[in-house]
Structures are given as C-alpha cells and as structure tokens.
Amino acid sequence: MKSDPTDTGGLFVGRRPGTKPVKYRDTPEYAGERRQKIDRTMAALTLAALIFVALLFWGPLPLAWLWIGSRVDYWTGSTFLGITVAFFGLLLTLMAGLMVMRRLDILWILLRRAAGTDQRDGVMGRVFAVTAVVGATLFTIWLLVIQGPGASLAPTG
C-alpha cells in the first residue's frame, strides 16, 4: 500500500482525480542540433519575458494603479474610493501577473527539456526573489539618496 504523500497526491486515503505525480522520462529525447539551438533560444526568450513580468511588479504596476486611483479621487472627490480602486486593481493585476509567470515558467521547463537539458524545476521563485531584492535596493537608494531626507535637509536659498 502506498502511503507516501507524494505517491498519493496528498494526505488523502485515496487519490483524487488529477493529483497523480508528474513522471518525467529518464532522459529527454534529443532532436537535431539545429532544433536544440532553436529551443535554447526560445527558452532564453521565455526567461527574459519571465524577468520582465517580474520587474513590472516593482515599479510600473504600482505607479500605474496609484495614478488610476488618483484619477478616481479627482473625478469622484472620494479619496477612499480612489484608494480602494488602486488597491484592488493592483491586487488583481498582481494575481494575473503571477498566473502569467507560472505559465511562462512551465513553458521554460518544457523548452529546456526540448533543448536537451534534464530540467525538472522551474525558475520562477528565484526570478521573483532576485527582482524583489533588486527592487527593494533601488527603492531604498531612491528613498534615502534621491528623494529622502537629504533633499529636505539641503539648504535653500
């Protein structure tokens, strides 16, 4: 009797439909050298798209939704409504972005396997972590050096 959660699809007595573990072939079947080069190029482009979507989370999307929220505040005169629209708009956009990133990650895995690499894990978590560190670092530099207390303490005159 199989009782390992990875074999049974979770901590269930029986297997639920669609929870079967993913089984990969031992070694990917190799196509011609030209096809592998095309697959490697496509994998690199997919990774670049994944990085681009992840970078959108740390600047352009929040700024865009803050601008939209300010427009709603201007049109309606309700600051609460502007903040609410900006918050939920950003939340929905970020969820959609994560869905896009997941699909790009799966495509990246498939393209890497087609290129002859025994790729089993995605790169989405690492890309998200690196872009978070880069975004936080750039924001901190902007806050402390460019816009922050240094600008208000400078002598006027």
Foldseek 3Di string as FASTA:
>chain_A
DDQPCLQQLHNDPHHDPPSHHDDDDPWFDADDLVQLVVLVVVLVVLVVVLLVLLLCLLPVLLVVLLVQLVVVCVVPVDNVSSVVSSVVVSVVSVVVSVVVSVVSQVSSQVSNRHSGDNRDDGCNVVSNVVSVVVSVVVVVCCQPPPPHPVVVPDDDD
